[in-house]
């Protein structure tokens, strides 16, 4: 029987899960593992940026007063993508991007979100690690990011969601996915626990729309998240047949179509036999709509 999945929104654990998912789902097919074993890595603290072998020595601090210690290694936003602060502290970097974003620069708007999301993640509770050494590495990196973000205000952290929405409205697929992954208001939350909250309801509708827009641009990660959303039933009413259709579209977008046997093993216990063929057809239609070029 297919296990119902839970979506993790806006948390440090969720960041690790998404970082691993991005590394697997967005990598070229030739270098992605076929088995989903990589998904277990975050639970062991195994995200790439936590590998001690990837930690070079810290470079000396530049002389300029508005610069901080040069990055020893990339800093990642909550979405698992790297943020280049250019040697500046986070508050200054965010202020500069905010000024540009307010004049209509949507690239700056997304860069602002990225930076602020890294700072927001640094303020969250630490996840648990099975390996103490990896946990210590994570704590050192968390402290480094916290120092970089020391002058960032709560207002700057909260405004990241407004700028993220503007980037998503402008058609930035990464921003559309990030809005969904951030959760309601960009705070750790269980959408089912506050389902009647008008703000949560508005976020659900907006987040689902963004995912659909990204999926319609043949983004296989967005299509996969839609499959998960219809399976989990937290953001939208649970619909196994719809989940299967999006799973088909996501696999086709990755040029790794699912076989009928794979579909039956994953969804056969949840989708009625009479609905199975219709679900397969719906998945093919979604794939053609999202990726008309194949």
C-alpha atoms as a PDB file:
ATOM      1  CA  UNK A   1       0.000   0.000   0.000  1.00  0.00           C
ATOM      2  CA  UNK A   2       1.249   3.498  -0.770  1.00  0.00           C
ATOM      3  CA  UNK A   3       2.288   5.341   2.373  1.00  0.00           C
ATOM      4  CA  UNK A   4       0.847   8.818   2.783  1.00  0.00           C
ATOM      5  CA  UNK A   5       3.655  11.356   2.779  1.00  0.00           C
ATOM      6  CA  UNK A   6       3.956  14.409   4.995  1.00  0.00           C
ATOM      7  CA  UNK A   7       5.244  17.673   3.576  1.00  0.00           C
ATOM      8  CA  UNK A   8       7.747  19.531   5.781  1.00  0.00           C
ATOM      9  CA  UNK A   9       7.303  23.302   5.485  1.00  0.00           C
ATOM     10  CA  UNK A  10       9.658  26.064   6.553  1.00  0.00           C
ATOM     11  CA  UNK A  11      12.042  24.219   8.881  1.00  0.00           C
ATOM     12  CA  UNK A  12      15.724  23.381   9.114  1.00  0.00           C
ATOM     13  CA  UNK A  13      14.857  19.727   8.607  1.00  0.00           C
ATOM     14  CA  UNK A  14      12.804  20.712   5.592  1.00  0.00           C
ATOM     15  CA  UNK A  15      15.781  22.645   4.226  1.00  0.00           C
ATOM     16  CA  UNK A  16      17.952  19.555   4.413  1.00  0.00           C
ATOM     17  CA  UNK A  17      15.289  17.456   2.735  1.00  0.00           C
ATOM     18  CA  UNK A  18      14.851  20.024  -0.031  1.00  0.00           C
ATOM     19  CA  UNK A  19      18.598  20.447  -0.525  1.00  0.00           C
ATOM     20  CA  UNK A  20      18.953  16.729  -1.088  1.00  0.00           C
ATOM     21  CA  UNK A  21      15.876  16.661  -3.317  1.00  0.00           C
ATOM     22  CA  UNK A  22      17.171  19.548  -5.415  1.00  0.00           C
ATOM     23  CA  UNK A  23      20.550  17.875  -5.791  1.00  0.00           C
ATOM     24  CA  UNK A  24      18.852  14.696  -7.043  1.00  0.00           C
ATOM     25  CA  UNK A  25      15.908  16.070  -9.003  1.00  0.00           C
ATOM     26  CA  UNK A  26      17.689  18.987 -10.695  1.00  0.00           C
ATOM     27  CA  UNK A  27      20.922  17.159 -11.519  1.00  0.00           C
ATOM     28  CA  UNK A  28      21.467  15.814 -15.061  1.00  0.00           C
ATOM     29  CA  UNK A  29      19.966  12.374 -15.514  1.00  0.00           C
ATOM     30  CA  UNK A  30      23.391  10.880 -16.183  1.00  0.00           C
ATOM     31  CA  UNK A  31      24.627  11.637 -12.671  1.00  0.00           C
ATOM     32  CA  UNK A  32      21.442  11.007 -10.664  1.00  0.00           C
ATOM     33  CA  UNK A  33      21.184   7.712  -8.820  1.00  0.00           C
ATOM     34  CA  UNK A  34      18.233   5.573  -9.817  1.00  0.00           C
ATOM     35  CA  UNK A  35      17.602   4.425  -6.261  1.00  0.00           C
ATOM     36  CA  UNK A  36      16.076   6.868  -3.745  1.00  0.00           C
ATOM     37  CA  UNK A  37      18.771   6.087  -1.158  1.00  0.00           C
ATOM     38  CA  UNK A  38      20.006   9.684  -1.267  1.00  0.00           C
ATOM     39  CA  UNK A  39      16.764  10.816   0.328  1.00  0.00           C
ATOM     40  CA  UNK A  40      17.851   9.164   3.562  1.00  0.00           C
ATOM     41  CA  UNK A  41      20.984  11.312   3.770  1.00  0.00           C
ATOM     42  CA  UNK A  42      19.391  14.353   5.456  1.00  0.00           C
ATOM     43  CA  UNK A  43      18.236  12.242   8.386  1.00  0.00           C
ATOM     44  CA  UNK A  44      21.903  11.419   8.951  1.00  0.00           C
ATOM     45  CA  UNK A  45      23.013  14.994   8.414  1.00  0.00           C
ATOM     46  CA  UNK A  46      24.293  14.037   4.983  1.00  0.00           C
ATOM     47  CA  UNK A  47      23.473  17.107   2.900  1.00  0.00           C
ATOM     48  CA  UNK A  48      26.378  18.091   0.620  1.00  0.00           C
ATOM     49  CA  UNK A  49      27.166  21.336   2.420  1.00  0.00           C
ATOM     50  CA  UNK A  50      27.649  19.446   5.680  1.00  0.00           C
ATOM     51  CA  UNK A  51      30.441  17.218   4.334  1.00  0.00           C
ATOM     52  CA  UNK A  52      33.574  18.074   6.409  1.00  0.00           C
ATOM     53  CA  UNK A  53      35.741  17.285   3.385  1.00  0.00           C
ATOM     54  CA  UNK A  54      34.191  20.287   1.635  1.00  0.00           C
ATOM     55  CA  UNK A  55      35.243  22.763   4.349  1.00  0.00           C
ATOM     56  CA  UNK A  56      38.363  24.702   3.271  1.00  0.00           C
ATOM     57  CA  UNK A  57      40.155  26.974   5.714  1.00  0.00           C
ATOM     58  CA  UNK A  58      38.575  30.341   6.459  1.00  0.00           C
ATOM     59  CA  UNK A  59      40.163  33.134   4.440  1.00  0.00           C
ATOM     60  CA  UNK A  60      41.400  36.311   6.209  1.00  0.00           C
ATOM     61  CA  UNK A  61      38.882  39.109   6.598  1.00  0.00           C
ATOM     62  CA  UNK A  62      39.106  41.909   3.988  1.00  0.00           C
ATOM     63  CA  UNK A  63      40.133  45.321   5.274  1.00  0.00           C
ATOM     64  CA  UNK A  64      36.949  47.207   4.375  1.00  0.00           C
ATOM     65  CA  UNK A  65      34.632  47.859   7.295  1.00  0.00           C
ATOM     66  CA  UNK A  66      31.472  46.908   5.386  1.00  0.00           C
ATOM     67  CA  UNK A  67      32.857  43.459   4.640  1.00  0.00           C
ATOM     68  CA  UNK A  68      32.849  40.416   6.861  1.00  0.00           C
ATOM     69  CA  UNK A  69      35.064  37.349   6.874  1.00  0.00           C
ATOM     70  CA  UNK A  70      35.150  35.888   3.372  1.00  0.00           C
ATOM     71  CA  UNK A  71      33.098  32.757   3.025  1.00  0.00           C
ATOM     72  CA  UNK A  72      34.965  29.546   3.800  1.00  0.00           C
ATOM     73  CA  UNK A  73      32.367  27.663   1.803  1.00  0.00           C
ATOM     74  CA  UNK A  74      29.077  28.457   0.117  1.00  0.00           C
ATOM     75  CA  UNK A  75      26.149  29.543   2.255  1.00  0.00           C
ATOM     76  CA  UNK A  76      22.825  28.035   1.305  1.00  0.00           C
ATOM     77  CA  UNK A  77      19.342  29.445   1.565  1.00  0.00           C
ATOM     78  CA  UNK A  78      16.518  27.461   3.073  1.00  0.00           C
ATOM     79  CA  UNK A  79      15.758  26.142  -0.411  1.00  0.00           C
ATOM     80  CA  UNK A  80      19.159  24.466  -0.698  1.00  0.00           C
ATOM     81  CA  UNK A  81      20.520  26.895  -3.304  1.00  0.00           C
ATOM     82  CA  UNK A  82      23.781  28.809  -2.710  1.00  0.00           C
ATOM     83  CA  UNK A  83      23.794  32.505  -1.811  1.00  0.00           C
ATOM     84  CA  UNK A  84      26.789  34.673  -2.721  1.00  0.00           C
ATOM     85  CA  UNK A  85      26.937  37.627  -0.325  1.00  0.00           C
ATOM     86  CA  UNK A  86      29.990  39.012  -2.109  1.00  0.00           C
ATOM     87  CA  UNK A  87      31.813  39.301   1.208  1.00  0.00           C
ATOM     88  CA  UNK A  88      29.246  41.723   2.647  1.00  0.00           C
ATOM     89  CA  UNK A  89      27.245  41.214   5.788  1.00  0.00           C
ATOM     90  CA  UNK A  90      23.703  40.030   5.200  1.00  0.00           C
ATOM     91  CA  UNK A  91      21.938  43.217   6.326  1.00  0.00           C
ATOM     92  CA  UNK A  92      23.836  45.375   3.826  1.00  0.00           C
ATOM     93  CA  UNK A  93      23.352  42.817   1.055  1.00  0.00           C
ATOM     94  CA  UNK A  94      19.601  42.656   1.714  1.00  0.00           C
ATOM     95  CA  UNK A  95      19.256  46.458   1.825  1.00  0.00           C
ATOM     96  CA  UNK A  96      20.997  46.816  -1.541  1.00  0.00           C
ATOM     97  CA  UNK A  97      18.768  44.184  -3.152  1.00  0.00           C
ATOM     98  CA  UNK A  98      15.650  45.705  -1.608  1.00  0.00           C
ATOM     99  CA  UNK A  99      16.426  49.076  -3.175  1.00  0.00           C
ATOM    100  CA  UNK A 100      16.819  47.452  -6.591  1.00  0.00           C
ATOM    101  CA  UNK A 101      13.744  45.251  -6.159  1.00  0.00           C
ATOM    102  CA  UNK A 102      11.551  48.241  -5.345  1.00  0.00           C
ATOM    103  CA  UNK A 103      12.400  49.672  -8.761  1.00  0.00           C
ATOM    104  CA  UNK A 104      11.223  46.483 -10.467  1.00  0.00           C
ATOM    105  CA  UNK A 105      14.373  44.340 -10.493  1.00  0.00           C
ATOM    106  CA  UNK A 106      12.896  40.884  -9.928  1.00  0.00           C
ATOM    107  CA  UNK A 107      16.309  39.227  -9.997  1.00  0.00           C
ATOM    108  CA  UNK A 108      17.247  41.373  -7.006  1.00  0.00           C
ATOM    109  CA  UNK A 109      13.945  40.482  -5.346  1.00  0.00           C
ATOM    110  CA  UNK A 110      14.788  36.802  -5.542  1.00  0.00           C
ATOM    111  CA  UNK A 111      18.365  37.389  -4.385  1.00  0.00           C
ATOM    112  CA  UNK A 112      16.983  39.259  -1.378  1.00  0.00           C
ATOM    113  CA  UNK A 113      14.727  36.338  -0.570  1.00  0.00           C
ATOM    114  CA  UNK A 114      17.612  33.902  -0.872  1.00  0.00           C
ATOM    115  CA  UNK A 115      19.782  35.859   1.548  1.00  0.00           C
ATOM    116  CA  UNK A 116      17.010  36.462   4.066  1.00  0.00           C
ATOM    117  CA  UNK A 117      15.996  32.810   3.929  1.00  0.00           C
ATOM    118  CA  UNK A 118      19.530  31.778   4.883  1.00  0.00           C
ATOM    119  CA  UNK A 119      19.326  34.098   7.883  1.00  0.00           C
ATOM    120  CA  UNK A 120      15.871  32.823   8.819  1.00  0.00           C
ATOM    121  CA  UNK A 121      17.106  29.241   8.704  1.00  0.00           C
ATOM    122  CA  UNK A 122      20.026  30.127  10.981  1.00  0.00           C
ATOM    123  CA  UNK A 123      17.557  31.163  13.696  1.00  0.00           C
ATOM    124  CA  UNK A 124      15.662  27.870  13.710  1.00  0.00           C
ATOM    125  CA  UNK A 125      16.156  24.903  16.068  1.00  0.00           C
ATOM    126  CA  UNK A 126      18.942  22.565  15.071  1.00  0.00           C
ATOM    127  CA  UNK A 127      17.924  19.270  13.478  1.00  0.00           C
ATOM    128  CA  UNK A 128      19.114  16.005  14.983  1.00  0.00           C
ATOM    129  CA  UNK A 129      22.061  14.122  13.508  1.00  0.00           C
ATOM    130  CA  UNK A 130      22.925  10.474  13.875  1.00  0.00           C
ATOM    131  CA  UNK A 131      26.606  11.322  13.382  1.00  0.00           C
ATOM    132  CA  UNK A 132      27.930  13.667  16.130  1.00  0.00           C
ATOM    133  CA  UNK A 133      30.762  14.863  13.883  1.00  0.00           C
ATOM    134  CA  UNK A 134      28.341  15.981  11.202  1.00  0.00           C
ATOM    135  CA  UNK A 135      26.184  17.624  13.840  1.00  0.00           C
ATOM    136  CA  UNK A 136      29.196  19.585  15.080  1.00  0.00           C
ATOM    137  CA  UNK A 137      30.018  20.650  11.530  1.00  0.00           C
ATOM    138  CA  UNK A 138      26.448  21.865  11.112  1.00  0.00           C
ATOM    139  CA  UNK A 139      26.615  23.811  14.390  1.00  0.00           C
ATOM    140  CA  UNK A 140      29.824  25.536  13.305  1.00  0.00           C
ATOM    141  CA  UNK A 141      28.289  26.509   9.992  1.00  0.00           C
ATOM    142  CA  UNK A 142      25.111  27.671  11.715  1.00  0.00           C
ATOM    143  CA  UNK A 143      27.188  29.916  13.995  1.00  0.00           C
ATOM    144  CA  UNK A 144      29.024  31.343  10.981  1.00  0.00           C
ATOM    145  CA  UNK A 145      25.780  32.183   9.213  1.00  0.00           C
ATOM    146  CA  UNK A 146      24.301  33.649  12.413  1.00  0.00           C
ATOM    147  CA  UNK A 147      27.294  35.996  12.698  1.00  0.00           C
ATOM    148  CA  UNK A 148      26.863  37.037   9.068  1.00  0.00           C
ATOM    149  CA  UNK A 149      23.177  37.755   9.756  1.00  0.00           C
ATOM    150  CA  UNK A 150      23.647  39.471  13.131  1.00  0.00           C
ATOM    151  CA  UNK A 151      22.480  42.885  11.872  1.00  0.00           C
ATOM    152  CA  UNK A 152      19.470  41.607   9.926  1.00  0.00           C
ATOM    153  CA  UNK A 153      16.206  42.843  11.437  1.00  0.00           C
ATOM    154  CA  UNK A 154      13.020  40.822  11.996  1.00  0.00           C
ATOM    155  CA  UNK A 155      11.325  43.096   9.459  1.00  0.00           C
ATOM    156  CA  UNK A 156      13.892  42.164   6.815  1.00  0.00           C
ATOM    157  CA  UNK A 157      13.335  38.489   7.546  1.00  0.00           C
ATOM    158  CA  UNK A 158       9.573  38.763   7.229  1.00  0.00           C
ATOM    159  CA  UNK A 159       9.703  40.949   4.124  1.00  0.00           C
ATOM    160  CA  UNK A 160      11.442  38.143   2.263  1.00  0.00           C
ATOM    161  CA  UNK A 161       8.054  36.533   1.649  1.00  0.00           C
ATOM    162  CA  UNK A 162       6.700  39.665  -0.023  1.00  0.00           C
ATOM    163  CA  UNK A 163       9.687  39.857  -2.351  1.00  0.00           C
ATOM    164  CA  UNK A 164       9.498  36.119  -2.969  1.00  0.00           C
ATOM    165  CA  UNK A 165       5.866  36.478  -4.043  1.00  0.00           C
ATOM    166  CA  UNK A 166       6.816  39.308  -6.402  1.00  0.00           C
ATOM    167  CA  UNK A 167       9.480  37.130  -8.011  1.00  0.00           C
ATOM    168  CA  UNK A 168       6.989  34.268  -8.269  1.00  0.00           C
ATOM    169  CA  UNK A 169       4.387  36.568  -9.834  1.00  0.00           C
ATOM    170  CA  UNK A 170       7.024  37.545 -12.411  1.00  0.00           C
ATOM    171  CA  UNK A 171       7.286  33.896 -13.466  1.00  0.00           C
ATOM    172  CA  UNK A 172      10.433  32.806 -11.617  1.00  0.00           C
ATOM    173  CA  UNK A 173       9.929  29.034 -11.326  1.00  0.00           C
ATOM    174  CA  UNK A 174      12.383  28.677  -8.456  1.00  0.00           C
ATOM    175  CA  UNK A 175      10.510  31.389  -6.559  1.00  0.00           C
ATOM    176  CA  UNK A 176       7.195  29.666  -7.253  1.00  0.00           C
ATOM    177  CA  UNK A 177       8.521  26.424  -5.770  1.00  0.00           C
ATOM    178  CA  UNK A 178      10.155  28.195  -2.830  1.00  0.00           C
ATOM    179  CA  UNK A 179       6.884  29.923  -1.917  1.00  0.00           C
ATOM    180  CA  UNK A 180       5.300  26.501  -1.538  1.00  0.00           C
ATOM    181  CA  UNK A 181       8.195  25.084   0.463  1.00  0.00           C
ATOM    182  CA  UNK A 182       8.348  28.078   2.824  1.00  0.00           C
ATOM    183  CA  UNK A 183       4.907  27.339   4.211  1.00  0.00           C
ATOM    184  CA  UNK A 184       2.317  29.864   5.466  1.00  0.00           C
ATOM    185  CA  UNK A 185       4.008  33.167   6.225  1.00  0.00           C
ATOM    186  CA  UNK A 186       7.450  31.640   5.870  1.00  0.00           C
ATOM    187  CA  UNK A 187       7.301  30.116   9.336  1.00  0.00           C
ATOM    188  CA  UNK A 188       7.490  26.468  10.433  1.00  0.00           C
ATOM    189  CA  UNK A 189       3.905  25.286  10.311  1.00  0.00           C
ATOM    190  CA  UNK A 190       1.578  22.358   9.872  1.00  0.00           C
ATOM    191  CA  UNK A 191      -1.073  23.572   7.412  1.00  0.00           C
ATOM    192  CA  UNK A 192      -3.529  20.998   8.758  1.00  0.00           C
ATOM    193  CA  UNK A 193      -3.269  22.342  12.309  1.00  0.00           C
ATOM    194  CA  UNK A 194      -4.525  25.803  11.321  1.00  0.00           C
ATOM    195  CA  UNK A 195      -6.590  24.902   8.285  1.00  0.00           C
ATOM    196  CA  UNK A 196      -9.324  27.421   9.141  1.00  0.00           C
ATOM    197  CA  UNK A 197      -6.945  30.374   9.406  1.00  0.00           C
ATOM    198  CA  UNK A 198      -7.753  32.762   6.507  1.00  0.00           C
ATOM    199  CA  UNK A 199      -4.049  33.475   5.975  1.00  0.00           C
ATOM    200  CA  UNK A 200      -3.287  29.767   5.747  1.00  0.00           C
ATOM    201  CA  UNK A 201      -6.153  29.263   3.308  1.00  0.00           C
ATOM    202  CA  UNK A 202      -4.879  32.133   1.168  1.00  0.00           C
ATOM    203  CA  UNK A 203      -1.354  30.713   1.235  1.00  0.00           C
ATOM    204  CA  UNK A 204      -2.603  27.263   0.196  1.00  0.00           C
ATOM    205  CA  UNK A 205      -4.410  28.672  -2.827  1.00  0.00           C
ATOM    206  CA  UNK A 206      -1.483  30.893  -3.803  1.00  0.00           C
ATOM    207  CA  UNK A 207       1.134  28.175  -3.263  1.00  0.00           C
ATOM    208  CA  UNK A 208      -0.806  25.622  -5.285  1.00  0.00           C
ATOM    209  CA  UNK A 209      -1.255  28.130  -8.113  1.00  0.00           C
ATOM    210  CA  UNK A 210       2.474  28.852  -8.172  1.00  0.00           C
ATOM    211  CA  UNK A 211       3.306  25.140  -8.280  1.00  0.00           C
ATOM    212  CA  UNK A 212       0.888  24.642 -11.157  1.00  0.00           C
ATOM    213  CA  UNK A 213       2.456  27.566 -13.029  1.00  0.00           C
ATOM    214  CA  UNK A 214       5.929  26.096 -12.545  1.00  0.00           C
ATOM    215  CA  UNK A 215       4.687  22.648 -13.525  1.00  0.00           C
ATOM    216  CA  UNK A 216       3.149  24.081 -16.682  1.00  0.00           C
ATOM    217  CA  UNK A 217       6.672  25.198 -17.625  1.00  0.00           C
ATOM    218  CA  UNK A 218       7.827  21.555 -17.550  1.00  0.00           C
ATOM    219  CA  UNK A 219       9.472  21.848 -14.128  1.00  0.00           C
ATOM    220  CA  UNK A 220       9.616  18.227 -13.036  1.00  0.00           C
ATOM    221  CA  UNK A 221      10.338  19.184  -9.431  1.00  0.00           C
ATOM    222  CA  UNK A 222       7.133  21.257  -9.270  1.00  0.00           C
ATOM    223  CA  UNK A 223       5.178  18.419 -10.861  1.00  0.00           C
ATOM    224  CA  UNK A 224       6.611  16.023  -8.290  1.00  0.00           C
ATOM    225  CA  UNK A 225       5.635  18.357  -5.452  1.00  0.00           C
ATOM    226  CA  UNK A 226       2.105  18.530  -6.837  1.00  0.00           C
ATOM    227  CA  UNK A 227       1.971  14.739  -6.827  1.00  0.00           C
ATOM    228  CA  UNK A 228       3.114  14.758  -3.217  1.00  0.00           C
ATOM    229  CA  UNK A 229       0.599  17.466  -2.284  1.00  0.00           C
ATOM    230  CA  UNK A 230      -2.338  15.492  -3.678  1.00  0.00           C
ATOM    231  CA  UNK A 231      -1.044  12.406  -1.881  1.00  0.00           C
ATOM    232  CA  UNK A 232      -0.438  14.064   1.507  1.00  0.00           C
ATOM    233  CA  UNK A 233      -3.708  16.020   1.565  1.00  0.00           C
ATOM    234  CA  UNK A 234      -2.307  18.904   3.626  1.00  0.00           C
ATOM    235  CA  UNK A 235      -2.459  21.714   1.095  1.00  0.00           C
ATOM    236  CA  UNK A 236      -5.251  20.359  -1.094  1.00  0.00           C
ATOM    237  CA  UNK A 237      -7.838  17.617  -0.641  1.00  0.00           C
ATOM    238  CA  UNK A 238      -6.261  14.188  -0.950  1.00  0.00           C
ATOM    239  CA  UNK A 239      -6.730  12.683  -4.413  1.00  0.00           C
ATOM    240  CA  UNK A 240      -4.638   9.565  -5.183  1.00  0.00           C
ATOM    241  CA  UNK A 241      -5.681   9.531  -8.845  1.00  0.00           C
ATOM    242  CA  UNK A 242      -4.582  13.144  -9.263  1.00  0.00           C
ATOM    243  CA  UNK A 243      -1.375  12.351  -7.400  1.00  0.00           C
ATOM    244  CA  UNK A 244      -0.705   9.532  -9.866  1.00  0.00           C
ATOM    245  CA  UNK A 245      -1.349  11.811 -12.836  1.00  0.00           C
ATOM    246  CA  UNK A 246       1.180  14.362 -11.581  1.00  0.00           C
ATOM    247  CA  UNK A 247       3.674  11.576 -10.820  1.00  0.00           C
ATOM    248  CA  UNK A 248       3.373  10.449 -14.447  1.00  0.00           C
ATOM    249  CA  UNK A 249       3.879  14.010 -15.688  1.00  0.00           C
ATOM    250  CA  UNK A 250       6.886  14.544 -13.391  1.00  0.00           C
ATOM    251  CA  UNK A 251       8.538  11.328 -14.571  1.00  0.00           C
ATOM    252  CA  UNK A 252       7.896  12.169 -18.222  1.00  0.00           C
ATOM    253  CA  UNK A 253       9.370  15.647 -17.699  1.00  0.00           C
ATOM    254  CA  UNK A 254      12.526  13.957 -16.421  1.00  0.00           C
ATOM    255  CA  UNK A 255      12.513  11.634 -19.457  1.00  0.00           C
ATOM    256  CA  UNK A 256      12.123   8.676 -17.116  1.00  0.00           C
ATOM    257  CA  UNK A 257       8.567   7.489 -17.763  1.00  0.00           C
ATOM    258  CA  UNK A 258       6.977   5.213 -15.188  1.00  0.00           C
ATOM    259  CA  UNK A 259       5.937   1.741 -16.266  1.00  0.00           C
ATOM    260  CA  UNK A 260       2.470   0.391 -15.606  1.00  0.00           C
ATOM    261  CA  UNK A 261       3.962  -2.004 -13.069  1.00  0.00           C
ATOM    262  CA  UNK A 262       5.601   0.871 -11.184  1.00  0.00           C
ATOM    263  CA  UNK A 263       2.329   2.786 -11.158  1.00  0.00           C
ATOM    264  CA  UNK A 264       0.366  -0.203  -9.901  1.00  0.00           C
ATOM    265  CA  UNK A 265       2.919  -0.890  -7.180  1.00  0.00           C
ATOM    266  CA  UNK A 266       2.749   2.716  -6.004  1.00  0.00           C
ATOM    267  CA  UNK A 267      -0.909   3.579  -6.549  1.00  0.00           C
ATOM    268  CA  UNK A 268      -2.734   0.307  -7.195  1.00  0.00           C
ATOM    269  CA  UNK A 269      -4.069  -0.021  -3.649  1.00  0.00           C
ATOM    270  CA  UNK A 270      -5.307   3.582  -3.608  1.00  0.00           C
ATOM    271  CA  UNK A 271      -6.742   4.127  -7.081  1.00  0.00           C
ATOM    272  CA  UNK A 272      -9.836   2.119  -7.977  1.00  0.00           C
ATOM    273  CA  UNK A 273      -9.356  -0.171 -11.002  1.00  0.00           C
ATOM    274  CA  UNK A 274     -12.023   1.734 -12.902  1.00  0.00           C
ATOM    275  CA  UNK A 275     -10.116   4.996 -12.314  1.00  0.00           C
ATOM    276  CA  UNK A 276      -6.631   3.675 -13.023  1.00  0.00           C
ATOM    277  CA  UNK A 277      -6.772   3.912 -16.827  1.00  0.00           C
ATOM    278  CA  UNK A 278      -8.337   7.366 -16.599  1.00  0.00           C
ATOM    279  CA  UNK A 279      -5.539   8.437 -14.251  1.00  0.00           C
ATOM    280  CA  UNK A 280      -2.907   7.235 -16.703  1.00  0.00           C
ATOM    281  CA  UNK A 281      -4.582   9.199 -19.492  1.00  0.00           C
ATOM    282  CA  UNK A 282      -4.787  12.278 -17.267  1.00  0.00           C
ATOM    283  CA  UNK A 283      -1.075  11.962 -16.514  1.00  0.00           C
ATOM    284  CA  UNK A 284      -0.239  11.746 -20.207  1.00  0.00           C
ATOM    285  CA  UNK A 285      -2.369  14.827 -20.860  1.00  0.00           C
ATOM    286  CA  UNK A 286      -0.656  16.748 -18.042  1.00  0.00           C
ATOM    287  CA  UNK A 287       2.757  15.763 -19.402  1.00  0.00           C
ATOM    288  CA  UNK A 288       1.830  16.919 -22.910  1.00  0.00           C
ATOM    289  CA  UNK A 289       0.442  20.194 -21.564  1.00  0.00           C
ATOM    290  CA  UNK A 290       3.493  20.889 -19.404  1.00  0.00           C
ATOM    291  CA  UNK A 291       6.133  19.686 -21.849  1.00  0.00           C
ATOM    292  CA  UNK A 292       4.693  19.974 -25.373  1.00  0.00           C
ATOM    293  CA  UNK A 293       8.173  19.619 -26.870  1.00  0.00           C
ATOM    294  CA  UNK A 294       8.584  16.256 -25.162  1.00  0.00           C
END
